[in-house]
C-alpha atoms as a PDB file:
ATOM      1  CA  MET A   1      -8.240  16.992  20.193  1.00  0.00           C
ATOM      2  CA  ASP A   2      -6.148  17.514  17.083  1.00  0.00           C
ATOM      3  CA  PRO A   3      -7.836  15.540  14.260  1.00  0.00           C
ATOM      4  CA  HIS A   4      -4.424  14.275  13.236  1.00  0.00           C
ATOM      5  CA  THR A   5      -3.851  12.501  16.550  1.00  0.00           C
ATOM      6  CA  THR A   6      -5.438   9.613  18.373  1.00  0.00           C
ATOM      7  CA  GLU A   7      -5.457   9.020  22.093  1.00  0.00           C
ATOM      8  CA  GLU A   8      -3.985   5.747  23.237  1.00  0.00           C
ATOM      9  CA  LYS A   9      -3.226   4.762  26.850  1.00  0.00           C
ATOM     10  CA  GLY A  10      -3.177   8.360  27.973  1.00  0.00           C
ATOM     11  CA  SER A  11      -0.790   9.586  25.285  1.00  0.00           C
ATOM     12  CA  PHE A  12      -1.289  11.099  21.871  1.00  0.00           C
ATOM     13  CA  MET A  13      -0.081   9.244  18.812  1.00  0.00           C
ATOM     14  CA  PRO A  14       0.043  10.846  15.355  1.00  0.00           C
ATOM     15  CA  SER A  15      -2.548   9.577  12.896  1.00  0.00           C
ATOM     16  CA  ILE A  16      -0.834   8.478   9.686  1.00  0.00           C
ATOM     17  CA  ARG A  17      -2.358   7.604   6.334  1.00  0.00           C
ATOM     18  CA  VAL A  18      -0.267   5.591   3.913  1.00  0.00           C
ATOM     19  CA  TYR A  19      -1.322   5.223   0.290  1.00  0.00           C
ATOM     20  CA  HIS A  20       0.067   2.190  -1.499  1.00  0.00           C
ATOM     21  CA  SER A  21      -0.412   0.181  -4.666  1.00  0.00           C
ATOM     22  CA  PHE A  22       0.373  -3.443  -5.365  1.00  0.00           C
ATOM     23  CA  ARG A  23       1.352  -2.279  -8.849  1.00  0.00           C
ATOM     24  CA  SER A  24       4.432  -0.516  -7.472  1.00  0.00           C
ATOM     25  CA  PRO A  25       7.607  -2.257  -6.261  1.00  0.00           C
ATOM     26  CA  TYR A  26       8.385   0.895  -4.275  1.00  0.00           C
ATOM     27  CA  SER A  27       5.116   0.583  -2.370  1.00  0.00           C
ATOM     28  CA  ARG A  28       6.277  -2.851  -1.276  1.00  0.00           C
ATOM     29  CA  LEU A  29       9.450  -1.308   0.127  1.00  0.00           C
ATOM     30  CA  GLY A  30       7.473   1.380   1.935  1.00  0.00           C
ATOM     31  CA  LEU A  31       5.248  -1.239   3.569  1.00  0.00           C
ATOM     32  CA  HIS A  32       8.300  -3.175   4.729  1.00  0.00           C
ATOM     33  CA  ILE A  33       9.739  -0.013   6.282  1.00  0.00           C
ATOM     34  CA  LEU A  34       6.503   0.506   8.218  1.00  0.00           C
ATOM     35  CA  ALA A  35       6.627  -3.081   9.456  1.00  0.00           C
ATOM     36  CA  ARG A  36      10.313  -2.961  10.407  1.00  0.00           C
ATOM     37  CA  GLU A  37       9.901   0.327  12.267  1.00  0.00           C
ATOM     38  CA  GLY A  38       6.643  -0.673  13.949  1.00  0.00           C
ATOM     39  CA  VAL A  39       4.764   2.295  12.469  1.00  0.00           C
ATOM     40  CA  GLU A  40       0.990   1.986  12.684  1.00  0.00           C
ATOM     41  CA  ALA A  41      -0.906   3.646   9.869  1.00  0.00           C
ATOM     42  CA  GLU A  42      -4.186   3.598   8.033  1.00  0.00           C
ATOM     43  CA  LEU A  43      -3.390   1.809   4.781  1.00  0.00           C
ATOM     44  CA  ILE A  44      -5.247   3.037   1.722  1.00  0.00           C
ATOM     45  CA  PRO A  45      -4.993   1.345  -1.675  1.00  0.00           C
ATOM     46  CA  PHE A  46      -4.264   4.007  -4.290  1.00  0.00           C
ATOM     47  CA  SER A  47      -6.867   3.641  -7.001  1.00  0.00           C
ATOM     48  CA  GLY A  48      -5.528   6.587  -8.994  1.00  0.00           C
ATOM     49  CA  PRO A  49      -5.099  10.341  -8.614  1.00  0.00           C
ATOM     50  CA  PRO A  50      -8.005  12.689  -7.838  1.00  0.00           C
ATOM     51  CA  GLU A  51     -10.588  13.197 -10.559  1.00  0.00           C
ATOM     52  CA  GLY A  52      -9.307  15.552 -13.231  1.00  0.00           C
ATOM     53  CA  VAL A  53      -5.629  14.893 -12.461  1.00  0.00           C
ATOM     54  CA  ALA A  54      -3.645  12.930 -15.042  1.00  0.00           C
ATOM     55  CA  PHE A  55      -1.912   9.732 -13.977  1.00  0.00           C
ATOM     56  CA  ASN A  56       1.733   9.853 -15.054  1.00  0.00           C
ATOM     57  CA  ASP A  57       2.280   6.157 -15.618  1.00  0.00           C
ATOM     58  CA  PRO A  58       6.057   5.473 -15.483  1.00  0.00           C
ATOM     59  CA  VAL A  59       5.604   2.386 -17.641  1.00  0.00           C
ATOM     60  CA  ALA A  60       4.370   4.640 -20.459  1.00  0.00           C
ATOM     61  CA  ASN A  61       7.654   6.580 -20.434  1.00  0.00           C
ATOM     62  CA  PRO A  62      10.410   4.398 -21.962  1.00  0.00           C
ATOM     63  CA  LEU A  63      13.240   6.402 -20.399  1.00  0.00           C
ATOM     64  CA  LYS A  64      11.698   6.332 -16.939  1.00  0.00           C
ATOM     65  CA  LEU A  65      10.867   2.644 -17.334  1.00  0.00           C
ATOM     66  CA  ALA A  66      14.482   1.846 -18.239  1.00  0.00           C
ATOM     67  CA  TYR A  67      15.599   3.649 -15.086  1.00  0.00           C
ATOM     68  CA  TYR A  68      13.058   1.851 -12.913  1.00  0.00           C
ATOM     69  CA  MET A  69      14.172  -1.491 -14.314  1.00  0.00           C
ATOM     70  CA  GLN A  70      17.618  -0.725 -12.898  1.00  0.00           C
ATOM     71  CA  ASP A  71      16.578   1.070  -9.733  1.00  0.00           C
ATOM     72  CA  ALA A  72      13.757  -1.081  -8.353  1.00  0.00           C
ATOM     73  CA  PRO A  73      15.893  -4.264  -8.134  1.00  0.00           C
ATOM     74  CA  ARG A  74      18.834  -2.505  -6.500  1.00  0.00           C
ATOM     75  CA  MET A  75      16.622  -0.772  -3.917  1.00  0.00           C
ATOM     76  CA  THR A  76      14.828  -4.041  -3.217  1.00  0.00           C
ATOM     77  CA  MET A  77      18.072  -5.961  -2.757  1.00  0.00           C
ATOM     78  CA  ARG A  78      19.388  -3.134  -0.587  1.00  0.00           C
ATOM     79  CA  MET A  79      16.539  -3.920   1.803  1.00  0.00           C
ATOM     80  CA  GLY A  80      17.412  -7.614   1.726  1.00  0.00           C
ATOM     81  CA  LEU A  81      14.261  -8.657  -0.129  1.00  0.00           C
ATOM     82  CA  PRO A  82      13.937 -11.024  -3.092  1.00  0.00           C
ATOM     83  CA  ILE A  83      12.654  -9.650  -6.374  1.00  0.00           C
ATOM     84  CA  ASN A  84      10.934 -11.503  -9.177  1.00  0.00           C
ATOM     85  CA  PRO A  85       9.017  -9.265 -11.614  1.00  0.00           C
ATOM     86  CA  PRO A  86       5.381 -10.329 -12.004  1.00  0.00           C
ATOM     87  CA  GLN A  87       4.177 -12.094 -15.122  1.00  0.00           C
ATOM     88  CA  PRO A  88       1.885 -10.820 -16.441  1.00  0.00           C
ATOM     89  CA  PHE A  89       2.582  -7.285 -15.289  1.00  0.00           C
ATOM     90  CA  ASP A  90      -0.734  -5.572 -16.009  1.00  0.00           C
ATOM     91  CA  VAL A  91      -3.447  -7.370 -14.071  1.00  0.00           C
ATOM     92  CA  ASP A  92      -6.745  -6.311 -12.536  1.00  0.00           C
ATOM     93  CA  LEU A  93      -5.813  -4.924  -9.124  1.00  0.00           C
ATOM     94  CA  ALA A  94      -9.412  -4.426  -7.956  1.00  0.00           C
ATOM     95  CA  PRO A  95      -9.727  -7.858  -6.259  1.00  0.00           C
ATOM     96  CA  SER A  96      -6.540  -7.288  -4.268  1.00  0.00           C
ATOM     97  CA  TYR A  97      -7.594  -3.773  -3.274  1.00  0.00           C
ATOM     98  CA  LYS A  98     -11.008  -4.947  -2.094  1.00  0.00           C
ATOM     99  CA  ALA A  99      -9.404  -7.732  -0.092  1.00  0.00           C
ATOM    100  CA  ALA A 100      -6.863  -5.294   1.370  1.00  0.00           C
ATOM    101  CA  VAL A 101      -9.664  -3.004   2.563  1.00  0.00           C
ATOM    102  CA  ALA A 102     -11.470  -5.924   4.200  1.00  0.00           C
ATOM    103  CA  ALA A 103      -8.225  -7.150   5.801  1.00  0.00           C
ATOM    104  CA  ALA A 104      -7.613  -3.692   7.271  1.00  0.00           C
ATOM    105  CA  GLY A 105     -11.113  -3.760   8.729  1.00  0.00           C
ATOM    106  CA  ASP A 106     -10.241  -7.043  10.437  1.00  0.00           C
ATOM    107  CA  GLY A 107      -6.969  -5.705  11.827  1.00  0.00           C
ATOM    108  CA  LYS A 108      -4.811  -7.577   9.305  1.00  0.00           C
ATOM    109  CA  GLY A 109      -4.165  -4.715   6.884  1.00  0.00           C
ATOM    110  CA  LEU A 110      -0.388  -4.499   6.991  1.00  0.00           C
ATOM    111  CA  ALA A 111       0.186  -8.241   7.295  1.00  0.00           C
ATOM    112  CA  PHE A 112      -2.006  -8.936   4.270  1.00  0.00           C
ATOM    113  CA  ALA A 113      -0.617  -6.050   2.209  1.00  0.00           C
ATOM    114  CA  LEU A 114       2.917  -7.311   2.835  1.00  0.00           C
ATOM    115  CA  GLU A 115       2.016 -10.845   1.770  1.00  0.00           C
ATOM    116  CA  VAL A 116       0.331  -9.622  -1.417  1.00  0.00           C
ATOM    117  CA  SER A 117       3.226  -7.281  -2.230  1.00  0.00           C
ATOM    118  CA  ASP A 118       5.737 -10.069  -1.654  1.00  0.00           C
ATOM    119  CA  ALA A 119       3.688 -12.520  -3.717  1.00  0.00           C
ATOM    120  CA  ARG A 120       3.668 -10.089  -6.662  1.00  0.00           C
ATOM    121  CA  TRP A 121       7.166  -8.623  -6.445  1.00  0.00           C
ATOM    122  CA  GLY A 122       9.053 -11.362  -4.602  1.00  0.00           C
ATOM    123  CA  LYS A 123       7.509 -14.399  -6.293  1.00  0.00           C
ATOM    124  CA  GLY A 124       6.094 -12.997  -9.527  1.00  0.00           C
ATOM    125  CA  ARG A 125       2.561 -14.218  -8.740  1.00  0.00           C
ATOM    126  CA  ASP A 126      -0.646 -13.031 -10.404  1.00  0.00           C
ATOM    127  CA  ILE A 127      -2.497 -11.225  -7.624  1.00  0.00           C
ATOM    128  CA  SER A 128      -5.680 -10.925  -9.681  1.00  0.00           C
ATOM    129  CA  ASP A 129      -6.105 -14.657  -8.964  1.00  0.00           C
ATOM    130  CA  LEU A 130      -8.306 -15.080  -5.884  1.00  0.00           C
ATOM    131  CA  SER A 131      -6.508 -18.314  -4.953  1.00  0.00           C
ATOM    132  CA  VAL A 132      -3.240 -16.356  -4.723  1.00  0.00           C
ATOM    133  CA  LEU A 133      -4.935 -13.773  -2.504  1.00  0.00           C
ATOM    134  CA  GLU A 134      -6.409 -16.534  -0.346  1.00  0.00           C
ATOM    135  CA  SER A 135      -2.930 -17.979   0.142  1.00  0.00           C
ATOM    136  CA  CYS A 136      -1.711 -14.508   1.153  1.00  0.00           C
ATOM    137  CA  ALA A 137      -4.579 -14.247   3.623  1.00  0.00           C
ATOM    138  CA  GLU A 138      -3.629 -17.544   5.247  1.00  0.00           C
ATOM    139  CA  LYS A 139      -0.005 -16.469   5.575  1.00  0.00           C
ATOM    140  CA  ALA A 140      -1.164 -13.169   7.118  1.00  0.00           C
ATOM    141  CA  GLY A 141      -3.278 -14.998   9.686  1.00  0.00           C
ATOM    142  CA  TRP A 142      -6.524 -13.807   8.115  1.00  0.00           C
ATOM    143  CA  ASP A 143      -9.568 -15.865   7.153  1.00  0.00           C
ATOM    144  CA  LYS A 144      -9.059 -16.752   3.491  1.00  0.00           C
ATOM    145  CA  SER A 145     -12.810 -16.949   2.858  1.00  0.00           C
ATOM    146  CA  ALA A 146     -12.959 -13.199   3.525  1.00  0.00           C
ATOM    147  CA  VAL A 147     -11.112 -12.600   0.248  1.00  0.00           C
ATOM    148  CA  GLY A 148     -14.062 -13.786  -1.803  1.00  0.00           C
ATOM    149  CA  SER A 149     -16.615 -12.137   0.476  1.00  0.00           C
ATOM    150  CA  ALA A 150     -14.869  -8.784   0.086  1.00  0.00           C
ATOM    151  CA  GLN A 151     -15.418  -8.706  -3.675  1.00  0.00           C
ATOM    152  CA  ASN A 152     -19.118  -7.818  -3.381  1.00  0.00           C
ATOM    153  CA  ASP A 153     -19.206  -6.400   0.143  1.00  0.00           C
ATOM    154  CA  GLN A 154     -21.053  -3.078   0.231  1.00  0.00           C
ATOM    155  CA  SER A 155     -19.141  -1.935   3.320  1.00  0.00           C
ATOM    156  CA  VAL A 156     -15.880  -2.461   1.406  1.00  0.00           C
ATOM    157  CA  ALA A 157     -17.293  -0.459  -1.508  1.00  0.00           C
ATOM    158  CA  ALA A 158     -18.288   2.341   0.873  1.00  0.00           C
ATOM    159  CA  GLU A 159     -14.814   2.365   2.418  1.00  0.00           C
ATOM    160  CA  MET A 160     -13.203   2.581  -1.000  1.00  0.00           C
ATOM    161  CA  LYS A 161     -15.425   5.542  -1.820  1.00  0.00           C
ATOM    162  CA  ARG A 162     -14.214   7.210   1.389  1.00  0.00           C
ATOM    163  CA  HIS A 163     -10.665   6.491   0.247  1.00  0.00           C
ATOM    164  CA  ARG A 164     -11.323   8.329  -3.020  1.00  0.00           C
ATOM    165  CA  ASP A 165     -12.334  11.375  -0.989  1.00  0.00           C
ATOM    166  CA  LEU A 166      -9.138  11.123   1.083  1.00  0.00           C
ATOM    167  CA  ILE A 167      -6.992  10.812  -2.041  1.00  0.00           C
ATOM    168  CA  ALA A 168      -8.434  14.109  -3.246  1.00  0.00           C
ATOM    169  CA  GLU A 169      -8.175  15.744   0.198  1.00  0.00           C
ATOM    170  CA  ASP A 170      -4.536  14.726   0.616  1.00  0.00           C
ATOM    171  CA  GLY A 171      -3.562  15.495  -2.983  1.00  0.00           C
ATOM    172  CA  VAL A 172      -2.035  12.070  -3.597  1.00  0.00           C
ATOM    173  CA  PHE A 173      -0.334  11.745  -6.986  1.00  0.00           C
ATOM    174  CA  GLY A 174       1.846   8.660  -6.591  1.00  0.00           C
ATOM    175  CA  VAL A 175       2.884   5.875  -4.243  1.00  0.00           C
ATOM    176  CA  PRO A 176       3.952   5.129  -1.655  1.00  0.00           C
ATOM    177  CA  PHE A 177       2.666   8.322  -0.103  1.00  0.00           C
ATOM    178  CA  ALA A 178       2.309   9.030   3.615  1.00  0.00           C
ATOM    179  CA  VAL A 179       0.442  11.849   5.309  1.00  0.00           C
ATOM    180  CA  MET A 180       0.908  12.853   8.930  1.00  0.00           C
ATOM    181  CA  GLY A 181      -0.890  16.059   9.804  1.00  0.00           C
ATOM    182  CA  PRO A 182       0.393  18.758   7.442  1.00  0.00           C
ATOM    183  CA  LYS A 183       3.469  16.715   6.499  1.00  0.00           C
ATOM    184  CA  LYS A 184       3.599  14.584   3.381  1.00  0.00           C
ATOM    185  CA  TYR A 185       6.141  11.974   2.307  1.00  0.00           C
ATOM    186  CA  TRP A 186       6.329  10.629  -1.247  1.00  0.00           C
ATOM    187  CA  GLY A 187       8.511   7.640  -2.018  1.00  0.00           C
ATOM    188  CA  HIS A 188       9.712   4.840   0.230  1.00  0.00           C
ATOM    189  CA  ASP A 189      13.035   6.645   0.689  1.00  0.00           C
ATOM    190  CA  ARG A 190      11.147   9.468   2.442  1.00  0.00           C
ATOM    191  CA  PHE A 191       9.627   7.074   4.953  1.00  0.00           C
ATOM    192  CA  GLY A 192      12.841   7.347   6.956  1.00  0.00           C
ATOM    193  CA  LEU A 193      11.973  11.022   7.442  1.00  0.00           C
ATOM    194  CA  LEU A 194       8.521   9.968   8.628  1.00  0.00           C
ATOM    195  CA  VAL A 195      10.086   7.659  11.201  1.00  0.00           C
ATOM    196  CA  ASP A 196      12.422  10.458  12.345  1.00  0.00           C
ATOM    197  CA  ASP A 197       9.506  12.892  12.650  1.00  0.00           C
ATOM    198  CA  LEU A 198       7.632  10.383  14.782  1.00  0.00           C
ATOM    199  CA  LYS A 199      10.546  10.351  17.223  1.00  0.00           C
ATOM    200  CA  ASP A 200      10.646  14.160  17.568  1.00  0.00           C
END
């Protein structure tokens, strides 16, 4: 069997990995595209580029930041979603990533990731606050107590270590980023190509 496919009900479905970050408003849009198109994927929180590769933070570039401040709202509104920039902007994303990994393990990965993304970028909430994440869990139909449990869960830590290996293997440098076999898609606006390729 091709390692990039999975067998389901007698047919072969492509295996897709999608790297996302709650820090990025574009990741939120990519997740919504997956949900709207019914695309199933392994969701992987992007904890940074492979070791030895510099992270080109757009917030550190004033010209790029000025562009993003114009572009992110218009692309969000184009998808019919509310936008409310988070305050504060720079928060510890580790609690949300750990919870996202645990939610994926319980089959609630996309639902939880959408709620967290919408809480941060649609409502301006501080997603480093465990109570905010617990509220997201409830809305996603996931046990809110699992949010706290995930913070020191060794199986979550092991899964995140596996994710670091995949980030290096797939050469991920930004988000959202999807991988399907040899094909890669960077940016939510490329996810339409992913959907088209799935139909071929």
